[in-house]
Amino acid sequence: MTAPHPTPGHAGPLDTDALADAAKLELVVCDMDGTLLDADGAIPDGLWPLLDRMERRGILFAPASGRQYATLETMFGARAGMPFIAENGTFVVRDGATLSASVIDPGHVARTIGLLRGLARAGRDLGTVLCGTRTAYIERSDKPFRDAVAPYYRSNEVVADLTGVRDDIIKVAIYDFGDAEAGTLPALEAEAEGHKVTLSTPHWIDVSNADATKGRALAALQKALGIPASRTAVFGDYLNDLDMLEHAGLSFAMANGHPGLIARARFIAPANTDHGVITTLERLLEATRPGDEDGS
């Protein structure tokens, strides 16, 4: 069930009601870039002891990112029971088992590849990533593009022709070296054919099935875990995090977040550069069963 959502624009600091809700917390879902990660794109050292404390209290932590599952698993290591919402909600995995995968129609994948090749021939500086359930596939192999791809798709394979890939494709990701919103996005939206086109950062655009969102993935995860929205906290910074807010009693937009997200969140957390997720989680954990801190 979706938690009651606050009036848009009501976002503010933590209050007494929020701390009361935190006492029942069972699941924390957190975006990565611009949210959890610091200015250097690294996980703050302060997260690891917090994860240990959460584990002792029975609170699950789930990264939710446009990054692939293999990348997220590498970043967090093998933590038993940790769920991963990968590829902007198209792929959900826990303990190596797939909980959901939203596979795009191969015909639309092929047409999207053709469209992007046309834009590139016309002078648009972009690169395409086919995100499969096994790995990610790219044609463009120059260093600038590989450098853009590497943080998000550590498991990737260079192929001669993307249309020849034989894998279940759950997302087509496009990196535009210019302004993605003004450049590549309109062309993709015009040929969406009922699919979802999402601007996930100023340079990255994702094409996926219309029903594949972080919010729907979170709802599926909550159902699988038996955890209601009222016992869930969500942290995000960009528009691809927007519908996750609808599935959380405690919704946080980062202070550095997109204005559209800030307007919809219940609370504002300090910026990622100020380790806002860490400081906010510390406050939430202070409100949750203090007696469990030492395992008692």
C-alpha atoms as a PDB file:
ATOM      1  CA  MET A   1       0.000   0.000   0.000  1.00  0.00           C
ATOM      2  CA  THR A   2       1.295   3.471  -0.839  1.00  0.00           C
ATOM      3  CA  ALA A   3       2.047   5.648   2.143  1.00  0.00           C
ATOM      4  CA  PRO A   4       0.125   8.920   2.495  1.00  0.00           C
ATOM      5  CA  HIS A   5       2.111  11.530   0.597  1.00  0.00           C
ATOM      6  CA  PRO A   6       2.748  15.014   1.954  1.00  0.00           C
ATOM      7  CA  THR A   7       1.596  18.124   0.182  1.00  0.00           C
ATOM      8  CA  PRO A   8       4.069  18.979  -2.609  1.00  0.00           C
ATOM      9  CA  GLY A   9       6.490  21.685  -1.546  1.00  0.00           C
ATOM     10  CA  HIS A  10       6.171  20.751   2.141  1.00  0.00           C
ATOM     11  CA  ALA A  11       9.705  19.338   2.341  1.00  0.00           C
ATOM     12  CA  GLY A  12      11.559  20.340   5.474  1.00  0.00           C
ATOM     13  CA  PRO A  13      13.905  19.083   8.193  1.00  0.00           C
ATOM     14  CA  LEU A  14      13.227  16.047  10.361  1.00  0.00           C
ATOM     15  CA  ASP A  15      10.475  16.568  12.903  1.00  0.00           C
ATOM     16  CA  THR A  16       8.994  14.659  15.836  1.00  0.00           C
ATOM     17  CA  ASP A  17       6.610  12.720  13.589  1.00  0.00           C
ATOM     18  CA  ALA A  18       9.483  11.630  11.365  1.00  0.00           C
ATOM     19  CA  LEU A  19      11.494  10.332  14.294  1.00  0.00           C
ATOM     20  CA  ALA A  20       8.423   8.443  15.503  1.00  0.00           C
ATOM     21  CA  ASP A  21       8.092   6.854  12.052  1.00  0.00           C
ATOM     22  CA  ALA A  22      11.802   5.985  12.146  1.00  0.00           C
ATOM     23  CA  ALA A  23      11.233   3.810  15.201  1.00  0.00           C
ATOM     24  CA  LYS A  24       9.376   1.369  12.907  1.00  0.00           C
ATOM     25  CA  LEU A  25      11.893   1.482  10.066  1.00  0.00           C
ATOM     26  CA  GLU A  26      12.560  -1.810   8.232  1.00  0.00           C
ATOM     27  CA  LEU A  27      13.892  -0.777   4.814  1.00  0.00           C
ATOM     28  CA  VAL A  28      16.114   2.059   3.555  1.00  0.00           C
ATOM     29  CA  VAL A  29      16.353   2.563  -0.212  1.00  0.00           C
ATOM     30  CA  CYS A  30      19.049   4.899  -1.467  1.00  0.00           C
ATOM     31  CA  ASP A  31      20.003   6.316  -4.840  1.00  0.00           C
ATOM     32  CA  MET A  32      23.727   6.446  -5.525  1.00  0.00           C
ATOM     33  CA  ASP A  33      25.039   9.307  -7.685  1.00  0.00           C
ATOM     34  CA  GLY A  34      24.256  12.707  -6.227  1.00  0.00           C
ATOM     35  CA  THR A  35      22.712  11.050  -3.177  1.00  0.00           C
ATOM     36  CA  LEU A  36      24.861   8.544  -1.286  1.00  0.00           C
ATOM     37  CA  LEU A  37      28.132   8.963  -3.171  1.00  0.00           C
ATOM     38  CA  ASP A  38      30.456  11.843  -2.344  1.00  0.00           C
ATOM     39  CA  ALA A  39      31.869  14.422  -4.753  1.00  0.00           C
ATOM     40  CA  ASP A  40      34.454  11.880  -5.941  1.00  0.00           C
ATOM     41  CA  GLY A  41      31.804   9.245  -6.673  1.00  0.00           C
ATOM     42  CA  ALA A  42      32.833   7.098  -3.695  1.00  0.00           C
ATOM     43  CA  ILE A  43      30.803   5.541  -0.888  1.00  0.00           C
ATOM     44  CA  PRO A  44      31.524   7.534   2.293  1.00  0.00           C
ATOM     45  CA  ASP A  45      33.462   5.539   4.889  1.00  0.00           C
ATOM     46  CA  GLY A  46      30.780   6.359   7.430  1.00  0.00           C
ATOM     47  CA  LEU A  47      28.263   4.112   5.680  1.00  0.00           C
ATOM     48  CA  TRP A  48      29.884   0.790   6.605  1.00  0.00           C
ATOM     49  CA  PRO A  49      29.401   1.000  10.397  1.00  0.00           C
ATOM     50  CA  LEU A  50      25.860   2.245   9.779  1.00  0.00           C
ATOM     51  CA  LEU A  51      25.116  -0.833   7.664  1.00  0.00           C
ATOM     52  CA  ASP A  52      26.391  -3.039  10.481  1.00  0.00           C
ATOM     53  CA  ARG A  53      24.135  -1.252  12.967  1.00  0.00           C
ATOM     54  CA  MET A  54      21.167  -1.557  10.614  1.00  0.00           C
ATOM     55  CA  GLU A  55      21.818  -5.260  10.127  1.00  0.00           C
ATOM     56  CA  ARG A  56      21.804  -5.828  13.888  1.00  0.00           C
ATOM     57  CA  ARG A  57      18.458  -4.064  14.087  1.00  0.00           C
ATOM     58  CA  GLY A  58      16.928  -5.970  11.193  1.00  0.00           C
ATOM     59  CA  ILE A  59      16.806  -2.945   8.873  1.00  0.00           C
ATOM     60  CA  LEU A  60      17.601  -3.693   5.233  1.00  0.00           C
ATOM     61  CA  PHE A  61      19.563  -1.296   3.026  1.00  0.00           C
ATOM     62  CA  ALA A  62      18.903  -1.383  -0.726  1.00  0.00           C
ATOM     63  CA  PRO A  63      20.928   0.620  -3.261  1.00  0.00           C
ATOM     64  CA  ALA A  64      18.715   1.903  -6.100  1.00  0.00           C
ATOM     65  CA  SER A  65      20.648   3.088  -9.110  1.00  0.00           C
ATOM     66  CA  GLY A  66      20.931   3.377 -12.846  1.00  0.00           C
ATOM     67  CA  ARG A  67      24.126   1.371 -12.468  1.00  0.00           C
ATOM     68  CA  GLN A  68      24.131  -2.295 -13.383  1.00  0.00           C
ATOM     69  CA  TYR A  69      23.797  -5.032 -10.789  1.00  0.00           C
ATOM     70  CA  ALA A  70      27.396  -6.206 -11.287  1.00  0.00           C
ATOM     71  CA  THR A  71      28.659  -2.693 -10.549  1.00  0.00           C
ATOM     72  CA  LEU A  72      26.559  -2.323  -7.410  1.00  0.00           C
ATOM     73  CA  GLU A  73      27.562  -5.758  -6.144  1.00  0.00           C
ATOM     74  CA  THR A  74      31.225  -4.850  -6.613  1.00  0.00           C
ATOM     75  CA  MET A  75      30.768  -1.573  -4.759  1.00  0.00           C
ATOM     76  CA  PHE A  76      29.015  -3.101  -1.741  1.00  0.00           C
ATOM     77  CA  GLY A  77      30.607  -6.531  -1.654  1.00  0.00           C
ATOM     78  CA  ALA A  78      28.831  -9.713  -0.644  1.00  0.00           C
ATOM     79  CA  ARG A  79      26.445  -8.605   2.106  1.00  0.00           C
ATOM     80  CA  ALA A  80      23.927 -11.362   2.767  1.00  0.00           C
ATOM     81  CA  GLY A  81      20.333 -10.309   2.257  1.00  0.00           C
ATOM     82  CA  MET A  82      21.085  -6.930   0.655  1.00  0.00           C
ATOM     83  CA  PRO A  83      18.639  -6.240  -2.200  1.00  0.00           C
ATOM     84  CA  PHE A  84      19.762  -4.301  -5.275  1.00  0.00           C
ATOM     85  CA  ILE A  85      17.483  -2.173  -7.449  1.00  0.00           C
ATOM     86  CA  ALA A  86      19.641  -1.868 -10.564  1.00  0.00           C
ATOM     87  CA  GLU A  87      19.355  -0.305 -14.017  1.00  0.00           C
ATOM     88  CA  ASN A  88      16.849   2.315 -12.795  1.00  0.00           C
ATOM     89  CA  GLY A  89      14.371  -0.298 -11.649  1.00  0.00           C
ATOM     90  CA  THR A  90      14.498  -2.717 -14.561  1.00  0.00           C
ATOM     91  CA  PHE A  91      16.412  -5.371 -12.595  1.00  0.00           C
ATOM     92  CA  VAL A  92      15.981  -6.329  -8.931  1.00  0.00           C
ATOM     93  CA  VAL A  93      18.253  -8.933  -7.342  1.00  0.00           C
ATOM     94  CA  ARG A  94      18.723 -10.303  -3.839  1.00  0.00           C
ATOM     95  CA  ASP A  95      21.295 -12.907  -2.850  1.00  0.00           C
ATOM     96  CA  GLY A  96      21.913 -13.656  -6.527  1.00  0.00           C
ATOM     97  CA  ALA A  97      18.249 -14.401  -7.238  1.00  0.00           C
ATOM     98  CA  THR A  98      16.338 -12.257  -9.734  1.00  0.00           C
ATOM     99  CA  LEU A  99      13.208 -10.789  -8.158  1.00  0.00           C
ATOM    100  CA  SER A 100      12.151  -8.902 -11.294  1.00  0.00           C
ATOM    101  CA  ALA A 101      13.471  -8.140 -14.781  1.00  0.00           C
ATOM    102  CA  SER A 102      11.700  -5.953 -17.337  1.00  0.00           C
ATOM    103  CA  VAL A 103      12.879  -7.038 -20.800  1.00  0.00           C
ATOM    104  CA  ILE A 104      12.425  -4.618 -23.723  1.00  0.00           C
ATOM    105  CA  ASP A 105      10.943  -5.822 -27.012  1.00  0.00           C
ATOM    106  CA  PRO A 106      13.895  -6.621 -29.343  1.00  0.00           C
ATOM    107  CA  GLY A 107      12.256  -4.717 -32.199  1.00  0.00           C
ATOM    108  CA  HIS A 108      12.204  -1.499 -30.215  1.00  0.00           C
ATOM    109  CA  VAL A 109      15.805  -2.031 -29.160  1.00  0.00           C
ATOM    110  CA  ALA A 110      16.828  -2.344 -32.826  1.00  0.00           C
ATOM    111  CA  ARG A 111      14.878   0.769 -33.843  1.00  0.00           C
ATOM    112  CA  THR A 112      16.397   2.758 -30.983  1.00  0.00           C
ATOM    113  CA  ILE A 113      19.896   1.710 -32.043  1.00  0.00           C
ATOM    114  CA  GLY A 114      19.101   2.878 -35.584  1.00  0.00           C
ATOM    115  CA  LEU A 115      17.820   6.230 -34.344  1.00  0.00           C
ATOM    116  CA  LEU A 116      20.922   6.813 -32.238  1.00  0.00           C
ATOM    117  CA  ARG A 117      23.236   5.883 -35.089  1.00  0.00           C
ATOM    118  CA  GLY A 118      21.442   8.474 -37.218  1.00  0.00           C
ATOM    119  CA  LEU A 119      21.931  11.161 -34.577  1.00  0.00           C
ATOM    120  CA  ALA A 120      25.629  10.283 -34.345  1.00  0.00           C
ATOM    121  CA  ARG A 121      26.023  10.502 -38.136  1.00  0.00           C
ATOM    122  CA  ALA A 122      24.383  13.934 -37.986  1.00  0.00           C
ATOM    123  CA  GLY A 123      27.081  15.086 -35.562  1.00  0.00           C
ATOM    124  CA  ARG A 124      25.665  14.305 -32.120  1.00  0.00           C
ATOM    125  CA  ASP A 125      28.473  13.148 -29.797  1.00  0.00           C
ATOM    126  CA  LEU A 126      26.882  10.187 -28.034  1.00  0.00           C
ATOM    127  CA  GLY A 127      27.421   6.553 -27.182  1.00  0.00           C
ATOM    128  CA  THR A 128      24.991   3.690 -26.608  1.00  0.00           C
ATOM    129  CA  VAL A 129      24.994   0.980 -23.950  1.00  0.00           C
ATOM    130  CA  LEU A 130      22.756  -2.073 -24.251  1.00  0.00           C
ATOM    131  CA  CYS A 131      22.105  -3.264 -20.713  1.00  0.00           C
ATOM    132  CA  GLY A 132      21.514  -7.001 -20.638  1.00  0.00           C
ATOM    133  CA  THR A 133      20.832  -9.362 -17.771  1.00  0.00           C
ATOM    134  CA  ARG A 134      24.275 -10.915 -18.335  1.00  0.00           C
ATOM    135  CA  THR A 135      26.409  -7.831 -19.041  1.00  0.00           C
ATOM    136  CA  ALA A 136      26.452  -4.457 -20.831  1.00  0.00           C
ATOM    137  CA  TYR A 137      27.337  -4.094 -24.512  1.00  0.00           C
ATOM    138  CA  ILE A 138      28.931  -1.152 -26.350  1.00  0.00           C
ATOM    139  CA  GLU A 139      30.166  -0.459 -29.882  1.00  0.00           C
ATOM    140  CA  ARG A 140      32.033   2.748 -29.227  1.00  0.00           C
ATOM    141  CA  SER A 141      35.407   1.991 -27.651  1.00  0.00           C
ATOM    142  CA  ASP A 142      37.243   5.336 -27.451  1.00  0.00           C
ATOM    143  CA  LYS A 143      38.646   6.330 -24.064  1.00  0.00           C
ATOM    144  CA  PRO A 144      36.280   9.247 -23.298  1.00  0.00           C
ATOM    145  CA  PHE A 145      33.247   7.033 -23.778  1.00  0.00           C
ATOM    146  CA  ARG A 146      34.779   4.079 -21.936  1.00  0.00           C
ATOM    147  CA  ASP A 147      35.597   6.431 -19.053  1.00  0.00           C
ATOM    148  CA  ALA A 148      31.961   7.582 -18.944  1.00  0.00           C
ATOM    149  CA  VAL A 149      30.688   4.002 -19.018  1.00  0.00           C
ATOM    150  CA  ALA A 150      33.069   2.405 -16.511  1.00  0.00           C
ATOM    151  CA  PRO A 151      31.626   3.792 -13.241  1.00  0.00           C
ATOM    152  CA  TYR A 152      28.150   2.540 -14.104  1.00  0.00           C
ATOM    153  CA  TYR A 153      28.833  -0.628 -16.119  1.00  0.00           C
ATOM    154  CA  ARG A 154      31.925  -2.348 -14.789  1.00  0.00           C
ATOM    155  CA  SER A 155      30.899  -5.520 -16.568  1.00  0.00           C
ATOM    156  CA  ASN A 156      30.857  -4.570 -20.256  1.00  0.00           C
ATOM    157  CA  GLU A 157      31.748  -6.049 -23.606  1.00  0.00           C
ATOM    158  CA  VAL A 158      32.739  -4.256 -26.806  1.00  0.00           C
ATOM    159  CA  VAL A 159      30.907  -5.708 -29.819  1.00  0.00           C
ATOM    160  CA  ALA A 160      31.112  -4.982 -33.534  1.00  0.00           C
ATOM    161  CA  ASP A 161      27.351  -4.534 -33.933  1.00  0.00           C
ATOM    162  CA  LEU A 162      24.863  -3.853 -31.144  1.00  0.00           C
ATOM    163  CA  THR A 163      22.028  -5.238 -33.257  1.00  0.00           C
ATOM    164  CA  GLY A 164      23.731  -8.632 -33.118  1.00  0.00           C
ATOM    165  CA  VAL A 165      23.662  -8.892 -29.313  1.00  0.00           C
ATOM    166  CA  ARG A 166      21.814 -11.956 -28.006  1.00  0.00           C
ATOM    167  CA  ASP A 167      20.779 -11.182 -24.450  1.00  0.00           C
ATOM    168  CA  ASP A 168      17.651 -10.016 -22.653  1.00  0.00           C
ATOM    169  CA  ILE A 169      17.942  -6.223 -22.859  1.00  0.00           C
ATOM    170  CA  ILE A 170      16.436  -4.466 -19.866  1.00  0.00           C
ATOM    171  CA  LYS A 171      17.599  -0.923 -20.662  1.00  0.00           C
ATOM    172  CA  VAL A 172      19.190   1.131 -23.410  1.00  0.00           C
ATOM    173  CA  ALA A 173      21.438   3.798 -21.883  1.00  0.00           C
ATOM    174  CA  ILE A 174      22.719   6.745 -23.897  1.00  0.00           C
ATOM    175  CA  TYR A 175      25.591   9.004 -22.891  1.00  0.00           C
ATOM    176  CA  ASP A 176      25.411  12.429 -24.554  1.00  0.00           C
ATOM    177  CA  PHE A 177      28.639  14.392 -24.190  1.00  0.00           C
ATOM    178  CA  GLY A 178      26.694  17.629 -24.616  1.00  0.00           C
ATOM    179  CA  ASP A 179      23.351  18.641 -23.127  1.00  0.00           C
ATOM    180  CA  ALA A 180      21.333  15.421 -23.183  1.00  0.00           C
ATOM    181  CA  GLU A 181      18.057  17.148 -22.346  1.00  0.00           C
ATOM    182  CA  ALA A 182      18.281  19.588 -25.242  1.00  0.00           C
ATOM    183  CA  GLY A 183      20.098  17.276 -27.634  1.00  0.00           C
ATOM    184  CA  THR A 184      19.286  13.562 -27.702  1.00  0.00           C
ATOM    185  CA  LEU A 185      16.257  13.438 -25.409  1.00  0.00           C
ATOM    186  CA  PRO A 186      13.651  15.014 -27.763  1.00  0.00           C
ATOM    187  CA  ALA A 187      14.463  12.582 -30.589  1.00  0.00           C
ATOM    188  CA  LEU A 188      14.138   9.576 -28.285  1.00  0.00           C
ATOM    189  CA  GLU A 189      10.871  10.857 -26.841  1.00  0.00           C
ATOM    190  CA  ALA A 190       9.451  11.341 -30.329  1.00  0.00           C
ATOM    191  CA  GLU A 191      10.104   7.673 -31.141  1.00  0.00           C
ATOM    192  CA  ALA A 192       9.343   6.197 -27.722  1.00  0.00           C
ATOM    193  CA  GLU A 193       6.546   3.934 -29.034  1.00  0.00           C
ATOM    194  CA  GLY A 194       5.061   3.686 -25.565  1.00  0.00           C
ATOM    195  CA  HIS A 195       8.390   3.108 -23.846  1.00  0.00           C
ATOM    196  CA  LYS A 196       9.774   5.282 -21.072  1.00  0.00           C
ATOM    197  CA  VAL A 197      12.562   7.750 -21.806  1.00  0.00           C
ATOM    198  CA  THR A 198      14.191   9.096 -18.647  1.00  0.00           C
ATOM    199  CA  LEU A 199      16.796  11.794 -18.157  1.00  0.00           C
ATOM    200  CA  SER A 200      18.720  10.284 -15.249  1.00  0.00           C
ATOM    201  CA  THR A 201      21.632  12.775 -15.159  1.00  0.00           C
ATOM    202  CA  PRO A 202      22.528  15.798 -17.309  1.00  0.00           C
ATOM    203  CA  HIS A 203      24.371  13.414 -19.676  1.00  0.00           C
ATOM    204  CA  TRP A 204      22.668  10.025 -19.312  1.00  0.00           C
ATOM    205  CA  ILE A 205      19.310   9.029 -20.818  1.00  0.00           C
ATOM    206  CA  ASP A 206      17.624   5.666 -20.223  1.00  0.00           C
ATOM    207  CA  VAL A 207      15.112   3.899 -22.457  1.00  0.00           C
ATOM    208  CA  SER A 208      13.122   1.148 -20.768  1.00  0.00           C
ATOM    209  CA  ASN A 209       9.678  -0.383 -20.602  1.00  0.00           C
ATOM    210  CA  ALA A 210       7.006   2.062 -19.500  1.00  0.00           C
ATOM    211  CA  ASP A 211       6.302   0.111 -16.318  1.00  0.00           C
ATOM    212  CA  ALA A 212       9.980  -0.192 -15.360  1.00  0.00           C
ATOM    213  CA  THR A 213      10.703   2.485 -12.775  1.00  0.00           C
ATOM    214  CA  LYS A 214      12.526   2.626  -9.484  1.00  0.00           C
ATOM    215  CA  GLY A 215       9.184   3.112  -7.767  1.00  0.00           C
ATOM    216  CA  ARG A 216       7.618  -0.006  -9.281  1.00  0.00           C
ATOM    217  CA  ALA A 217      10.768  -1.952  -8.491  1.00  0.00           C
ATOM    218  CA  LEU A 218      10.580  -0.743  -4.901  1.00  0.00           C
ATOM    219  CA  ALA A 219       6.921  -1.763  -4.684  1.00  0.00           C
ATOM    220  CA  ALA A 220       7.805  -5.242  -5.964  1.00  0.00           C
ATOM    221  CA  LEU A 221      10.645  -5.485  -3.455  1.00  0.00           C
ATOM    222  CA  GLN A 222       8.396  -4.387  -0.599  1.00  0.00           C
ATOM    223  CA  LYS A 223       5.864  -7.041  -1.584  1.00  0.00           C
ATOM    224  CA  ALA A 224       8.550  -9.737  -1.720  1.00  0.00           C
ATOM    225  CA  LEU A 225       9.907  -8.717   1.680  1.00  0.00           C
ATOM    226  CA  GLY A 226       6.543  -8.074   3.326  1.00  0.00           C
ATOM    227  CA  ILE A 227       7.574  -4.538   4.277  1.00  0.00           C
ATOM    228  CA  PRO A 228       4.993  -1.733   3.947  1.00  0.00           C
ATOM    229  CA  ALA A 229       5.683   1.732   2.583  1.00  0.00           C
ATOM    230  CA  SER A 230       5.103   3.174   6.040  1.00  0.00           C
ATOM    231  CA  ARG A 231       8.239   1.349   7.267  1.00  0.00           C
ATOM    232  CA  THR A 232      10.394   2.437   4.335  1.00  0.00           C
ATOM    233  CA  ALA A 233      12.752   5.403   3.914  1.00  0.00           C
ATOM    234  CA  VAL A 234      13.905   6.620   0.493  1.00  0.00           C
ATOM    235  CA  PHE A 235      16.733   8.992  -0.463  1.00  0.00           C
ATOM    236  CA  GLY A 236      17.085  10.505  -3.942  1.00  0.00           C
ATOM    237  CA  ASP A 237      18.294  13.512  -5.900  1.00  0.00           C
ATOM    238  CA  TYR A 238      16.978  13.329  -9.450  1.00  0.00           C
ATOM    239  CA  LEU A 239      13.774  12.830 -11.435  1.00  0.00           C
ATOM    240  CA  ASN A 240      14.356   9.104 -11.902  1.00  0.00           C
ATOM    241  CA  ASP A 241      13.923   8.834  -8.111  1.00  0.00           C
ATOM    242  CA  LEU A 242      10.571  10.629  -8.136  1.00  0.00           C
ATOM    243  CA  ASP A 243       8.149   7.710  -8.034  1.00  0.00           C
ATOM    244  CA  MET A 244      10.097   5.995  -5.241  1.00  0.00           C
ATOM    245  CA  LEU A 245       8.896   8.783  -2.955  1.00  0.00           C
ATOM    246  CA  GLU A 246       5.339   7.509  -3.346  1.00  0.00           C
ATOM    247  CA  HIS A 247       6.325   4.203  -1.753  1.00  0.00           C
ATOM    248  CA  ALA A 248       7.970   5.554   1.395  1.00  0.00           C
ATOM    249  CA  GLY A 249       6.664   6.957   4.631  1.00  0.00           C
ATOM    250  CA  LEU A 250       9.981   8.776   4.996  1.00  0.00           C
ATOM    251  CA  SER A 251      10.997  10.386   1.694  1.00  0.00           C
ATOM    252  CA  PHE A 252      14.141  12.503   1.472  1.00  0.00           C
ATOM    253  CA  ALA A 253      15.328  14.718  -1.357  1.00  0.00           C
ATOM    254  CA  MET A 254      18.936  15.795  -1.179  1.00  0.00           C
ATOM    255  CA  ALA A 255      19.553  19.528  -0.791  1.00  0.00           C
ATOM    256  CA  ASN A 256      21.451  19.359  -4.084  1.00  0.00           C
ATOM    257  CA  GLY A 257      18.536  17.588  -5.758  1.00  0.00           C
ATOM    258  CA  HIS A 258      16.378  18.511  -8.739  1.00  0.00           C
ATOM    259  CA  PRO A 259      13.730  21.118  -7.799  1.00  0.00           C
ATOM    260  CA  GLY A 260      10.990  18.795  -9.009  1.00  0.00           C
ATOM    261  CA  LEU A 261      12.079  16.121  -6.556  1.00  0.00           C
ATOM    262  CA  ILE A 262      12.530  18.536  -3.671  1.00  0.00           C
ATOM    263  CA  ALA A 263       8.980  19.775  -4.245  1.00  0.00           C
ATOM    264  CA  ARG A 264       7.601  16.244  -3.799  1.00  0.00           C
ATOM    265  CA  ALA A 265       9.711  14.932  -0.930  1.00  0.00           C
ATOM    266  CA  ARG A 266       8.577  14.969   2.676  1.00  0.00           C
ATOM    267  CA  PHE A 267      12.006  16.026   3.951  1.00  0.00           C
ATOM    268  CA  ILE A 268      15.256  17.525   2.734  1.00  0.00           C
ATOM    269  CA  ALA A 269      18.561  15.851   3.622  1.00  0.00           C
ATOM    270  CA  PRO A 270      21.891  17.700   3.498  1.00  0.00           C
ATOM    271  CA  ALA A 271      23.734  17.580   0.173  1.00  0.00           C
ATOM    272  CA  ASN A 272      25.641  14.470  -0.865  1.00  0.00           C
ATOM    273  CA  THR A 273      28.857  16.497  -0.592  1.00  0.00           C
ATOM    274  CA  ASP A 274      28.011  16.968   3.097  1.00  0.00           C
ATOM    275  CA  HIS A 275      27.351  13.216   3.509  1.00  0.00           C
ATOM    276  CA  GLY A 276      23.647  13.950   3.918  1.00  0.00           C
ATOM    277  CA  VAL A 277      22.530  10.314   3.782  1.00  0.00           C
ATOM    278  CA  ILE A 278      24.989   9.363   6.523  1.00  0.00           C
ATOM    279  CA  THR A 279      24.016  12.164   8.892  1.00  0.00           C
ATOM    280  CA  THR A 280      20.300  11.593   8.312  1.00  0.00           C
ATOM    281  CA  LEU A 281      20.563   7.835   8.812  1.00  0.00           C
ATOM    282  CA  GLU A 282      22.436   8.416  12.053  1.00  0.00           C
ATOM    283  CA  ARG A 283      19.538  10.523  13.303  1.00  0.00           C
ATOM    284  CA  LEU A 284      16.988   7.947  12.181  1.00  0.00           C
ATOM    285  CA  LEU A 285      18.887   5.132  13.864  1.00  0.00           C
ATOM    286  CA  GLU A 286      18.982   7.105  17.098  1.00  0.00           C
ATOM    287  CA  ALA A 287      15.192   6.922  17.042  1.00  0.00           C
ATOM    288  CA  THR A 288      14.995   3.173  16.392  1.00  0.00           C
ATOM    289  CA  ARG A 289      15.096   0.742  19.276  1.00  0.00           C
ATOM    290  CA  PRO A 290      18.256   2.063  21.020  1.00  0.00           C
ATOM    291  CA  GLY A 291      18.395  -1.077  23.134  1.00  0.00           C
ATOM    292  CA  ASP A 292      19.270  -3.082  20.024  1.00  0.00           C
ATOM    293  CA  GLU A 293      22.517  -1.171  19.474  1.00  0.00           C
ATOM    294  CA  ASP A 294      24.523  -3.686  21.469  1.00  0.00           C
ATOM    295  CA  GLY A 295      22.466  -6.626  20.226  1.00  0.00           C
ATOM    296  CA  SER A 296      20.384  -6.809  23.414  1.00  0.00           C
END
